[in-house]
Amino acid sequence: MIEQKNKISKKWLAIGILIAFFLIAPMFIRDNKGVYIRDTDKSTEPEPEPEPEPKPEPEPKTTYVGSKNSDVYHHTWCHYVDRIKSGNKRYFSSSQAARAAGYRPCLVCKPP
């Protein structure tokens, strides 16, 4: 009779360890700084939808591009145009318009 109780208690001990390992342990998170209790609040509120990213404005048909932060204008194919942030780009329909705005031609792509 004592052996049977001993077997049953060992069985329940093993079940208790498994329950603790699979049910209680996942509530704790361990990282480099220590052990933290995971937020177990499972709210039924839906997650807010992410805001759609603003679509970039299409570039107008131009032949020259300058930056608001410099005084140089470029052909649209010049590799320096890729370095200008889209918010800082200024577009010109002619080299005369760029010069009238105070810009000088790029020394690499050499626009007129």
PDB file of N, CA and C in Angstrom:
ATOM      1  N   MET A   1       0.816  -1.190   0.000  1.00  0.00           N
ATOM      2  CA  MET A   1       0.000   0.000   0.000  1.00  0.00           C
ATOM      3  C   MET A   1       0.864   1.261   0.000  1.00  0.00           C
ATOM      4  N   ILE A   2       1.938   1.257   0.751  1.00  0.00           N
ATOM      5  CA  ILE A   2       2.816   2.419   0.822  1.00  0.00           C
ATOM      6  C   ILE A   2       3.495   2.633  -0.526  1.00  0.00           C
ATOM      7  N   GLU A   3       3.885   1.540  -1.203  1.00  0.00           N
ATOM      8  CA  GLU A   3       4.514   1.665  -2.517  1.00  0.00           C
ATOM      9  C   GLU A   3       3.551   2.266  -3.532  1.00  0.00           C
ATOM     10  N   GLN A   4       2.285   1.904  -3.448  1.00  0.00           N
ATOM     11  CA  GLN A   4       1.286   2.437  -4.379  1.00  0.00           C
ATOM     12  C   GLN A   4       1.103   3.938  -4.146  1.00  0.00           C
ATOM     13  N   LYS A   5       1.037   4.371  -2.892  1.00  0.00           N
ATOM     14  CA  LYS A   5       0.919   5.795  -2.591  1.00  0.00           C
ATOM     15  C   LYS A   5       2.169   6.542  -3.064  1.00  0.00           C
ATOM     16  N   ASN A   6       3.311   5.924  -2.915  1.00  0.00           N
ATOM     17  CA  ASN A   6       4.562   6.521  -3.339  1.00  0.00           C
ATOM     18  C   ASN A   6       4.569   6.707  -4.856  1.00  0.00           C
ATOM     19  N   LYS A   7       4.054   5.704  -5.609  1.00  0.00           N
ATOM     20  CA  LYS A   7       3.976   5.807  -7.061  1.00  0.00           C
ATOM     21  C   LYS A   7       3.008   6.900  -7.469  1.00  0.00           C
ATOM     22  N   ILE A   8       1.888   6.986  -6.772  1.00  0.00           N
ATOM     23  CA  ILE A   8       0.887   8.010  -7.100  1.00  0.00           C
ATOM     24  C   ILE A   8       1.449   9.399  -6.802  1.00  0.00           C
ATOM     25  N   SER A   9       2.121   9.568  -5.676  1.00  0.00           N
ATOM     26  CA  SER A   9       2.664  10.882  -5.342  1.00  0.00           C
ATOM     27  C   SER A   9       3.759  11.291  -6.321  1.00  0.00           C
ATOM     28  N   LYS A  10       4.583  10.326  -6.780  1.00  0.00           N
ATOM     29  CA  LYS A  10       5.591  10.643  -7.785  1.00  0.00           C
ATOM     30  C   LYS A  10       4.936  11.034  -9.103  1.00  0.00           C
ATOM     31  N   LYS A  11       3.840  10.360  -9.430  1.00  0.00           N
ATOM     32  CA  LYS A  11       3.103  10.672 -10.660  1.00  0.00           C
ATOM     33  C   LYS A  11       2.562  12.094 -10.598  1.00  0.00           C
ATOM     34  N   TRP A  12       1.936  12.444  -9.459  1.00  0.00           N
ATOM     35  CA  TRP A  12       1.382  13.788  -9.337  1.00  0.00           C
ATOM     36  C   TRP A  12       2.475  14.850  -9.252  1.00  0.00           C
ATOM     37  N   LEU A  13       3.591  14.502  -8.694  1.00  0.00           N
ATOM     38  CA  LEU A  13       4.721  15.416  -8.660  1.00  0.00           C
ATOM     39  C   LEU A  13       5.211  15.710 -10.078  1.00  0.00           C
ATOM     40  N   ALA A  14       5.310  14.663 -10.893  1.00  0.00           N
ATOM     41  CA  ALA A  14       5.727  14.850 -12.284  1.00  0.00           C
ATOM     42  C   ALA A  14       4.712  15.690 -13.044  1.00  0.00           C
ATOM     43  N   ILE A  15       3.439  15.447 -12.821  1.00  0.00           N
ATOM     44  CA  ILE A  15       2.391  16.238 -13.486  1.00  0.00           C
ATOM     45  C   ILE A  15       2.478  17.691 -13.034  1.00  0.00           C
ATOM     46  N   GLY A  16       2.717  17.913 -11.765  1.00  0.00           N
ATOM     47  CA  GLY A  16       2.842  19.280 -11.261  1.00  0.00           C
ATOM     48  C   GLY A  16       4.026  20.013 -11.873  1.00  0.00           C
ATOM     49  N   ILE A  17       5.131  19.307 -12.034  1.00  0.00           N
ATOM     50  CA  ILE A  17       6.312  19.925 -12.653  1.00  0.00           C
ATOM     51  C   ILE A  17       6.020  20.281 -14.106  1.00  0.00           C
ATOM     52  N   LEU A  18       5.345  19.373 -14.824  1.00  0.00           N
ATOM     53  CA  LEU A  18       5.000  19.657 -16.223  1.00  0.00           C
ATOM     54  C   LEU A  18       4.053  20.849 -16.332  1.00  0.00           C
ATOM     55  N   ILE A  19       3.079  20.901 -15.441  1.00  0.00           N
ATOM     56  CA  ILE A  19       2.144  22.034 -15.457  1.00  0.00           C
ATOM     57  C   ILE A  19       2.892  23.335 -15.187  1.00  0.00           C
ATOM     58  N   ALA A  20       3.782  23.310 -14.214  1.00  0.00           N
ATOM     59  CA  ALA A  20       4.549  24.508 -13.900  1.00  0.00           C
ATOM     60  C   ALA A  20       5.428  24.916 -15.074  1.00  0.00           C
ATOM     61  N   PHE A  21       6.005  23.945 -15.739  1.00  0.00           N
ATOM     62  CA  PHE A  21       6.914  24.249 -16.840  1.00  0.00           C
ATOM     63  C   PHE A  21       6.185  24.799 -18.056  1.00  0.00           C
ATOM     64  N   PHE A  22       5.049  24.209 -18.417  1.00  0.00           N
ATOM     65  CA  PHE A  22       4.360  24.608 -19.645  1.00  0.00           C
ATOM     66  C   PHE A  22       3.316  25.705 -19.454  1.00  0.00           C
ATOM     67  N   LEU A  23       2.775  25.850 -18.252  1.00  0.00           N
ATOM     68  CA  LEU A  23       1.740  26.856 -18.049  1.00  0.00           C
ATOM     69  C   LEU A  23       2.236  28.109 -17.332  1.00  0.00           C
ATOM     70  N   ILE A  24       3.072  27.925 -16.339  1.00  0.00           N
ATOM     71  CA  ILE A  24       3.507  29.062 -15.544  1.00  0.00           C
ATOM     72  C   ILE A  24       4.769  29.697 -16.118  1.00  0.00           C
ATOM     73  N   ALA A  25       5.724  28.907 -16.563  1.00  0.00           N
ATOM     74  CA  ALA A  25       6.990  29.440 -17.073  1.00  0.00           C
ATOM     75  C   ALA A  25       6.811  30.364 -18.272  1.00  0.00           C
ATOM     76  N   PRO A  26       5.893  30.095 -19.205  1.00  0.00           N
ATOM     77  CA  PRO A  26       5.759  31.032 -20.332  1.00  0.00           C
ATOM     78  C   PRO A  26       5.299  32.431 -19.927  1.00  0.00           C
ATOM     79  N   MET A  27       4.831  32.599 -18.682  1.00  0.00           N
ATOM     80  CA  MET A  27       4.431  33.933 -18.255  1.00  0.00           C
ATOM     81  C   MET A  27       5.627  34.805 -17.906  1.00  0.00           C
ATOM     82  N   PHE A  28       6.801  34.206 -17.826  1.00  0.00           N
ATOM     83  CA  PHE A  28       8.010  34.940 -17.490  1.00  0.00           C
ATOM     84  C   PHE A  28       8.911  35.023 -18.717  1.00  0.00           C
ATOM     85  N   ILE A  29       9.548  36.169 -18.862  1.00  0.00           N
ATOM     86  CA  ILE A  29      10.460  36.382 -19.972  1.00  0.00           C
ATOM     87  C   ILE A  29      11.836  36.636 -19.380  1.00  0.00           C
ATOM     88  N   ARG A  30      12.830  35.988 -19.935  1.00  0.00           N
ATOM     89  CA  ARG A  30      14.188  36.186 -19.434  1.00  0.00           C
ATOM     90  C   ARG A  30      15.006  36.859 -20.526  1.00  0.00           C
ATOM     91  N   ASP A  31      15.725  37.897 -20.155  1.00  0.00           N
ATOM     92  CA  ASP A  31      16.645  38.530 -21.085  1.00  0.00           C
ATOM     93  C   ASP A  31      17.944  38.825 -20.343  1.00  0.00           C
ATOM     94  N   ASN A  32      18.804  39.621 -20.941  1.00  0.00           N
ATOM     95  CA  ASN A  32      20.107  39.890 -20.343  1.00  0.00           C
ATOM     96  C   ASN A  32      20.018  40.654 -19.025  1.00  0.00           C
ATOM     97  N   LYS A  33      18.937  41.384 -18.813  1.00  0.00           N
ATOM     98  CA  LYS A  33      18.825  42.227 -17.627  1.00  0.00           C
ATOM     99  C   LYS A  33      18.156  41.520 -16.453  1.00  0.00           C
ATOM    100  N   GLY A  34      17.512  40.392 -16.692  1.00  0.00           N
ATOM    101  CA  GLY A  34      16.848  39.682 -15.604  1.00  0.00           C
ATOM    102  C   GLY A  34      15.588  39.001 -16.090  1.00  0.00           C
ATOM    103  N   VAL A  35      14.713  38.711 -15.142  1.00  0.00           N
ATOM    104  CA  VAL A  35      13.468  38.027 -15.449  1.00  0.00           C
ATOM    105  C   VAL A  35      12.329  39.021 -15.267  1.00  0.00           C
ATOM    106  N   TYR A  36      11.449  39.075 -16.240  1.00  0.00           N
ATOM    107  CA  TYR A  36      10.309  39.977 -16.190  1.00  0.00           C
ATOM    108  C   TYR A  36       9.032  39.162 -16.296  1.00  0.00           C
ATOM    109  N   ILE A  37       7.984  39.635 -15.670  1.00  0.00           N
ATOM    110  CA  ILE A  37       6.692  38.979 -15.797  1.00  0.00           C
ATOM    111  C   ILE A  37       6.021  39.504 -17.046  1.00  0.00           C
ATOM    112  N   ARG A  38       5.609  38.580 -17.898  1.00  0.00           N
ATOM    113  CA  ARG A  38       4.958  38.944 -19.151  1.00  0.00           C
ATOM    114  C   ARG A  38       3.571  39.484 -18.855  1.00  0.00           C
ATOM    115  N   ASP A  39       3.138  40.426 -19.652  1.00  0.00           N
ATOM    116  CA  ASP A  39       1.800  40.970 -19.511  1.00  0.00           C
ATOM    117  C   ASP A  39       0.805  39.902 -19.936  1.00  0.00           C
ATOM    118  N   THR A  40       0.012  39.411 -18.994  1.00  0.00           N
ATOM    119  CA  THR A  40      -0.923  38.338 -19.296  1.00  0.00           C
ATOM    120  C   THR A  40      -2.303  38.860 -19.620  1.00  0.00           C
ATOM    121  N   ASP A  41      -2.470  40.172 -19.660  1.00  0.00           N
ATOM    122  CA  ASP A  41      -3.764  40.753 -19.981  1.00  0.00           C
ATOM    123  C   ASP A  41      -4.042  40.559 -21.459  1.00  0.00           C
ATOM    124  N   LYS A  42      -4.944  39.681 -21.763  1.00  0.00           N
ATOM    125  CA  LYS A  42      -5.318  39.409 -23.157  1.00  0.00           C
ATOM    126  C   LYS A  42      -6.596  40.196 -23.461  1.00  0.00           C
ATOM    127  N   SER A  43      -6.445  41.452 -23.786  1.00  0.00           N
ATOM    128  CA  SER A  43      -7.615  42.269 -24.068  1.00  0.00           C
ATOM    129  C   SER A  43      -8.199  41.873 -25.415  1.00  0.00           C
ATOM    130  N   THR A  44      -9.497  42.014 -25.520  1.00  0.00           N
ATOM    131  CA  THR A  44     -10.186  41.629 -26.749  1.00  0.00           C
ATOM    132  C   THR A  44     -10.334  42.800 -27.710  1.00  0.00           C
ATOM    133  N   GLU A  45      -9.728  43.924 -27.368  1.00  0.00           N
ATOM    134  CA  GLU A  45      -9.816  45.078 -28.257  1.00  0.00           C
ATOM    135  C   GLU A  45      -9.011  44.810 -29.515  1.00  0.00           C
ATOM    136  N   PRO A  46      -9.546  45.167 -30.661  1.00  0.00           N
ATOM    137  CA  PRO A  46      -8.777  44.948 -31.890  1.00  0.00           C
ATOM    138  C   PRO A  46      -7.586  45.897 -31.948  1.00  0.00           C
ATOM    139  N   GLU A  47      -6.527  45.431 -32.549  1.00  0.00           N
ATOM    140  CA  GLU A  47      -5.351  46.276 -32.689  1.00  0.00           C
ATOM    141  C   GLU A  47      -5.644  47.390 -33.679  1.00  0.00           C
ATOM    142  N   PRO A  48      -5.143  48.588 -33.409  1.00  0.00           N
ATOM    143  CA  PRO A  48      -5.398  49.681 -34.352  1.00  0.00           C
ATOM    144  C   PRO A  48      -4.703  49.402 -35.682  1.00  0.00           C
ATOM    145  N   GLU A  49      -5.387  49.762 -36.754  1.00  0.00           N
ATOM    146  CA  GLU A  49      -4.815  49.553 -38.082  1.00  0.00           C
ATOM    147  C   GLU A  49      -3.681  50.546 -38.298  1.00  0.00           C
ATOM    148  N   PRO A  50      -2.584  50.099 -38.888  1.00  0.00           N
ATOM    149  CA  PRO A  50      -1.481  51.027 -39.142  1.00  0.00           C
ATOM    150  C   PRO A  50      -1.897  52.068 -40.183  1.00  0.00           C
ATOM    151  N   GLU A  51      -1.369  53.262 -39.973  1.00  0.00           N
ATOM    152  CA  GLU A  51      -1.694  54.335 -40.914  1.00  0.00           C
ATOM    153  C   GLU A  51      -0.988  54.070 -42.234  1.00  0.00           C
ATOM    154  N   PRO A  52      -1.686  54.282 -43.339  1.00  0.00           N
ATOM    155  CA  PRO A  52      -1.027  54.059 -44.627  1.00  0.00           C
ATOM    156  C   PRO A  52       0.076  55.086 -44.847  1.00  0.00           C
ATOM    157  N   GLU A  53       1.150  54.625 -45.454  1.00  0.00           N
ATOM    158  CA  GLU A  53       2.264  55.532 -45.721  1.00  0.00           C
ATOM    159  C   GLU A  53       1.856  56.515 -46.818  1.00  0.00           C
ATOM    160  N   PRO A  54       2.256  57.768 -46.662  1.00  0.00           N
ATOM    161  CA  PRO A  54       1.899  58.734 -47.700  1.00  0.00           C
ATOM    162  C   PRO A  54       2.610  58.389 -49.007  1.00  0.00           C
ATOM    163  N   LYS A  55       1.867  58.479 -50.069  1.00  0.00           N
ATOM    164  CA  LYS A  55       2.446  58.188 -51.381  1.00  0.00           C
ATOM    165  C   LYS A  55       3.267  59.391 -51.829  1.00  0.00           C
ATOM    166  N   PRO A  56       4.457  59.148 -52.355  1.00  0.00           N
ATOM    167  CA  PRO A  56       5.265  60.280 -52.821  1.00  0.00           C
ATOM    168  C   PRO A  56       4.602  60.933 -54.029  1.00  0.00           C
ATOM    169  N   GLU A  57       4.733  62.241 -54.068  1.00  0.00           N
ATOM    170  CA  GLU A  57       4.147  62.967 -55.187  1.00  0.00           C
ATOM    171  C   GLU A  57       4.929  62.649 -56.453  1.00  0.00           C
ATOM    172  N   PRO A  58       4.231  62.470 -57.563  1.00  0.00           N
ATOM    173  CA  PRO A  58       4.964  62.209 -58.800  1.00  0.00           C
ATOM    174  C   PRO A  58       5.779  63.434 -59.195  1.00  0.00           C
ATOM    175  N   GLU A  59       6.971  63.168 -59.673  1.00  0.00           N
ATOM    176  CA  GLU A  59       7.837  64.271 -60.074  1.00  0.00           C
ATOM    177  C   GLU A  59       7.291  64.911 -61.347  1.00  0.00           C
ATOM    178  N   PRO A  60       7.236  66.226 -61.363  1.00  0.00           N
ATOM    179  CA  PRO A  60       6.778  66.880 -62.582  1.00  0.00           C
ATOM    180  C   PRO A  60       7.792  66.665 -63.707  1.00  0.00           C
ATOM    181  N   LYS A  61       7.328  66.765 -64.930  1.00  0.00           N
ATOM    182  CA  LYS A  61       8.234  66.597 -66.066  1.00  0.00           C
ATOM    183  C   LYS A  61       9.156  67.811 -66.125  1.00  0.00           C
ATOM    184  N   THR A  62      10.398  67.562 -65.747  1.00  0.00           N
ATOM    185  CA  THR A  62      11.388  68.632 -65.724  1.00  0.00           C
ATOM    186  C   THR A  62      12.676  68.121 -66.335  1.00  0.00           C
ATOM    187  N   THR A  63      13.547  69.025 -66.562  1.00  0.00           N
ATOM    188  CA  THR A  63      14.839  68.640 -67.105  1.00  0.00           C
ATOM    189  C   THR A  63      15.959  68.908 -66.122  1.00  0.00           C
ATOM    190  N   TYR A  64      15.703  69.692 -65.073  1.00  0.00           N
ATOM    191  CA  TYR A  64      16.748  70.041 -64.110  1.00  0.00           C
ATOM    192  C   TYR A  64      16.212  69.938 -62.685  1.00  0.00           C
ATOM    193  N   VAL A  65      17.099  69.541 -61.784  1.00  0.00           N
ATOM    194  CA  VAL A  65      16.725  69.379 -60.377  1.00  0.00           C
ATOM    195  C   VAL A  65      17.779  70.064 -59.520  1.00  0.00           C
ATOM    196  N   GLY A  66      17.311  70.785 -58.505  1.00  0.00           N
ATOM    197  CA  GLY A  66      18.203  71.413 -57.536  1.00  0.00           C
ATOM    198  C   GLY A  66      17.756  71.052 -56.132  1.00  0.00           C
ATOM    199  N   SER A  67      18.596  71.354 -55.170  1.00  0.00           N
ATOM    200  CA  SER A  67      18.262  71.106 -53.778  1.00  0.00           C
ATOM    201  C   SER A  67      17.972  72.423 -53.081  1.00  0.00           C
ATOM    202  N   LYS A  68      17.064  72.368 -52.124  1.00  0.00           N
ATOM    203  CA  LYS A  68      16.785  73.563 -51.329  1.00  0.00           C
ATOM    204  C   LYS A  68      17.972  73.919 -50.441  1.00  0.00           C
ATOM    205  N   ASN A  69      18.846  72.937 -50.191  1.00  0.00           N
ATOM    206  CA  ASN A  69      19.965  73.145 -49.277  1.00  0.00           C
ATOM    207  C   ASN A  69      21.268  73.508 -49.979  1.00  0.00           C
ATOM    208  N   SER A  70      21.252  73.627 -51.294  1.00  0.00           N
ATOM    209  CA  SER A  70      22.479  73.993 -52.003  1.00  0.00           C
ATOM    210  C   SER A  70      22.130  74.968 -53.120  1.00  0.00           C
ATOM    211  N   ASP A  71      23.154  75.386 -53.869  1.00  0.00           N
ATOM    212  CA  ASP A  71      22.932  76.324 -54.964  1.00  0.00           C
ATOM    213  C   ASP A  71      23.322  75.697 -56.313  1.00  0.00           C
ATOM    214  N   VAL A  72      23.244  74.361 -56.412  1.00  0.00           N
ATOM    215  CA  VAL A  72      23.651  73.647 -57.628  1.00  0.00           C
ATOM    216  C   VAL A  72      22.428  72.994 -58.245  1.00  0.00           C
ATOM    217  N   TYR A  73      22.311  73.051 -59.578  1.00  0.00           N
ATOM    218  CA  TYR A  73      21.250  72.316 -60.263  1.00  0.00           C
ATOM    219  C   TYR A  73      21.869  71.268 -61.176  1.00  0.00           C
ATOM    220  N   HIS A  74      21.119  70.181 -61.418  1.00  0.00           N
ATOM    221  CA  HIS A  74      21.627  69.008 -62.106  1.00  0.00           C
ATOM    222  C   HIS A  74      20.648  68.555 -63.189  1.00  0.00           C
ATOM    223  N   HIS A  75      21.162  67.739 -64.131  1.00  0.00           N
ATOM    224  CA  HIS A  75      20.269  66.988 -65.009  1.00  0.00           C
ATOM    225  C   HIS A  75      19.562  65.944 -64.149  1.00  0.00           C
ATOM    226  N   THR A  76      18.383  65.494 -64.579  1.00  0.00           N
ATOM    227  CA  THR A  76      17.642  64.508 -63.786  1.00  0.00           C
ATOM    228  C   THR A  76      18.371  63.176 -63.706  1.00  0.00           C
ATOM    229  N   TRP A  77      19.245  62.872 -64.636  1.00  0.00           N
ATOM    230  CA  TRP A  77      19.969  61.600 -64.642  1.00  0.00           C
ATOM    231  C   TRP A  77      21.270  61.645 -63.850  1.00  0.00           C
ATOM    232  N   CYS A  78      21.661  62.789 -63.339  1.00  0.00           N
ATOM    233  CA  CYS A  78      22.915  62.932 -62.582  1.00  0.00           C
ATOM    234  C   CYS A  78      22.823  62.119 -61.284  1.00  0.00           C
ATOM    235  N   HIS A  79      23.914  61.433 -60.938  1.00  0.00           N
ATOM    236  CA  HIS A  79      23.874  60.597 -59.739  1.00  0.00           C
ATOM    237  C   HIS A  79      23.775  61.415 -58.458  1.00  0.00           C
ATOM    238  N   TYR A  80      24.086  62.668 -58.488  1.00  0.00           N
ATOM    239  CA  TYR A  80      23.930  63.501 -57.295  1.00  0.00           C
ATOM    240  C   TYR A  80      22.464  63.792 -56.985  1.00  0.00           C
ATOM    241  N   VAL A  81      21.599  63.664 -57.964  1.00  0.00           N
ATOM    242  CA  VAL A  81      20.166  63.874 -57.717  1.00  0.00           C
ATOM    243  C   VAL A  81      19.633  62.797 -56.774  1.00  0.00           C
ATOM    244  N   ASP A  82      20.177  61.573 -56.859  1.00  0.00           N
ATOM    245  CA  ASP A  82      19.729  60.496 -55.986  1.00  0.00           C
ATOM    246  C   ASP A  82      20.049  60.773 -54.522  1.00  0.00           C
ATOM    247  N   ARG A  83      21.023  61.611 -54.253  1.00  0.00           N
ATOM    248  CA  ARG A  83      21.408  61.933 -52.876  1.00  0.00           C
ATOM    249  C   ARG A  83      20.519  63.004 -52.251  1.00  0.00           C
ATOM    250  N   ILE A  84      19.747  63.703 -53.055  1.00  0.00           N
ATOM    251  CA  ILE A  84      18.873  64.768 -52.547  1.00  0.00           C
ATOM    252  C   ILE A  84      17.589  64.124 -52.027  1.00  0.00           C
ATOM    253  N   LYS A  85      17.213  64.460 -50.813  1.00  0.00           N
ATOM    254  CA  LYS A  85      15.956  63.947 -50.258  1.00  0.00           C
ATOM    255  C   LYS A  85      14.797  64.494 -51.071  1.00  0.00           C
ATOM    256  N   SER A  86      13.751  63.675 -51.210  1.00  0.00           N
ATOM    257  CA  SER A  86      12.629  64.079 -52.056  1.00  0.00           C
ATOM    258  C   SER A  86      11.960  65.360 -51.562  1.00  0.00           C
ATOM    259  N   GLY A  87      11.970  65.590 -50.269  1.00  0.00           N
ATOM    260  CA  GLY A  87      11.370  66.817 -49.739  1.00  0.00           C
ATOM    261  C   GLY A  87      12.189  68.065 -50.010  1.00  0.00           C
ATOM    262  N   ASN A  88      13.464  67.895 -50.340  1.00  0.00           N
ATOM    263  CA  ASN A  88      14.343  69.041 -50.589  1.00  0.00           C
ATOM    264  C   ASN A  88      14.551  69.333 -52.070  1.00  0.00           C
ATOM    265  N   LYS A  89      13.970  68.534 -52.941  1.00  0.00           N
ATOM    266  CA  LYS A  89      14.186  68.729 -54.380  1.00  0.00           C
ATOM    267  C   LYS A  89      13.366  69.899 -54.908  1.00  0.00           C
ATOM    268  N   ARG A  90      13.996  70.664 -55.785  1.00  0.00           N
ATOM    269  CA  ARG A  90      13.298  71.731 -56.521  1.00  0.00           C
ATOM    270  C   ARG A  90      13.466  71.429 -57.996  1.00  0.00           C
ATOM    271  N   TYR A  91      12.412  71.589 -58.749  1.00  0.00           N
ATOM    272  CA  TYR A  91      12.409  71.225 -60.161  1.00  0.00           C
ATOM    273  C   TYR A  91      12.361  72.477 -61.023  1.00  0.00           C
ATOM    274  N   PHE A  92      13.112  72.417 -62.115  1.00  0.00           N
ATOM    275  CA  PHE A  92      13.159  73.545 -63.042  1.00  0.00           C
ATOM    276  C   PHE A  92      12.914  73.029 -64.461  1.00  0.00           C
ATOM    277  N   SER A  93      12.177  73.809 -65.227  1.00  0.00           N
ATOM    278  CA  SER A  93      11.890  73.403 -66.603  1.00  0.00           C
ATOM    279  C   SER A  93      12.977  73.838 -67.575  1.00  0.00           C
ATOM    280  N   SER A  94      13.811  74.760 -67.145  1.00  0.00           N
ATOM    281  CA  SER A  94      14.895  75.205 -68.025  1.00  0.00           C
ATOM    282  C   SER A  94      16.088  75.631 -67.177  1.00  0.00           C
ATOM    283  N   SER A  95      17.245  75.692 -67.818  1.00  0.00           N
ATOM    284  CA  SER A  95      18.439  76.128 -67.094  1.00  0.00           C
ATOM    285  C   SER A  95      18.346  77.619 -66.753  1.00  0.00           C
ATOM    286  N   GLN A  96      17.635  78.392 -67.589  1.00  0.00           N
ATOM    287  CA  GLN A  96      17.458  79.813 -67.296  1.00  0.00           C
ATOM    288  C   GLN A  96      16.646  80.000 -66.013  1.00  0.00           C
ATOM    289  N   ALA A  97      15.637  79.150 -65.812  1.00  0.00           N
ATOM    290  CA  ALA A  97      14.826  79.255 -64.588  1.00  0.00           C
ATOM    291  C   ALA A  97      15.668  78.902 -63.359  1.00  0.00           C
ATOM    292  N   ALA A  98      16.538  77.916 -63.498  1.00  0.00           N
ATOM    293  CA  ALA A  98      17.403  77.533 -62.379  1.00  0.00           C
ATOM    294  C   ALA A  98      18.394  78.651 -62.058  1.00  0.00           C
ATOM    295  N   ARG A  99      18.969  79.246 -63.092  1.00  0.00           N
ATOM    296  CA  ARG A  99      19.916  80.350 -62.870  1.00  0.00           C
ATOM    297  C   ARG A  99      19.216  81.563 -62.281  1.00  0.00           C
ATOM    298  N   ALA A 100      17.989  81.835 -62.723  1.00  0.00           N
ATOM    299  CA  ALA A 100      17.231  82.960 -62.185  1.00  0.00           C
ATOM    300  C   ALA A 100      16.921  82.751 -60.696  1.00  0.00           C
ATOM    301  N   ALA A 101      16.809  81.479 -60.274  1.00  0.00           N
ATOM    302  CA  ALA A 101      16.550  81.182 -58.861  1.00  0.00           C
ATOM    303  C   ALA A 101      17.829  81.204 -58.036  1.00  0.00           C
ATOM    304  N   GLY A 102      18.984  81.462 -58.665  1.00  0.00           N
ATOM    305  CA  GLY A 102      20.239  81.577 -57.936  1.00  0.00           C
ATOM    306  C   GLY A 102      21.077  80.310 -57.919  1.00  0.00           C
ATOM    307  N   TYR A 103      20.768  79.374 -58.787  1.00  0.00           N
ATOM    308  CA  TYR A 103      21.523  78.115 -58.837  1.00  0.00           C
ATOM    309  C   TYR A 103      22.617  78.190 -59.899  1.00  0.00           C
ATOM    310  N   ARG A 104      23.664  77.400 -59.686  1.00  0.00           N
ATOM    311  CA  ARG A 104      24.745  77.289 -60.674  1.00  0.00           C
ATOM    312  C   ARG A 104      24.741  75.864 -61.221  1.00  0.00           C
ATOM    313  N   PRO A 105      25.318  75.622 -62.397  1.00  0.00           N
ATOM    314  CA  PRO A 105      25.308  74.256 -62.959  1.00  0.00           C
ATOM    315  C   PRO A 105      26.247  73.317 -62.207  1.00  0.00           C
ATOM    316  N   CYS A 106      25.899  72.053 -62.215  1.00  0.00           N
ATOM    317  CA  CYS A 106      26.723  70.994 -61.601  1.00  0.00           C
ATOM    318  C   CYS A 106      27.995  70.817 -62.414  1.00  0.00           C
ATOM    319  N   LEU A 107      29.103  70.585 -61.740  1.00  0.00           N
ATOM    320  CA  LEU A 107      30.385  70.392 -62.437  1.00  0.00           C
ATOM    321  C   LEU A 107      30.552  68.956 -62.943  1.00  0.00           C
ATOM    322  N   VAL A 108      29.671  68.038 -62.550  1.00  0.00           N
ATOM    323  CA  VAL A 108      29.771  66.649 -62.992  1.00  0.00           C
ATOM    324  C   VAL A 108      28.927  66.421 -64.239  1.00  0.00           C
ATOM    325  N   CYS A 109      27.626  66.728 -64.172  1.00  0.00           N
ATOM    326  CA  CYS A 109      26.753  66.482 -65.335  1.00  0.00           C
ATOM    327  C   CYS A 109      26.760  67.652 -66.312  1.00  0.00           C
ATOM    328  N   LYS A 110      27.249  68.793 -65.901  1.00  0.00           N
ATOM    329  CA  LYS A 110      27.430  69.994 -66.735  1.00  0.00           C
ATOM    330  C   LYS A 110      26.193  70.375 -67.548  1.00  0.00           C
ATOM    331  N   PRO A 111      25.092  70.740 -66.868  1.00  0.00           N
ATOM    332  CA  PRO A 111      23.938  71.235 -67.606  1.00  0.00           C
ATOM    333  C   PRO A 111      24.246  72.624 -68.167  1.00  0.00           C
ATOM    334  N   PRO A 112      23.524  73.035 -69.210  1.00  0.00           N
ATOM    335  CA  PRO A 112      23.818  74.358 -69.817  1.00  0.00           C
ATOM    336  C   PRO A 112      23.496  75.514 -68.878  1.00  0.00           C
TER     337      PRO A 112
END
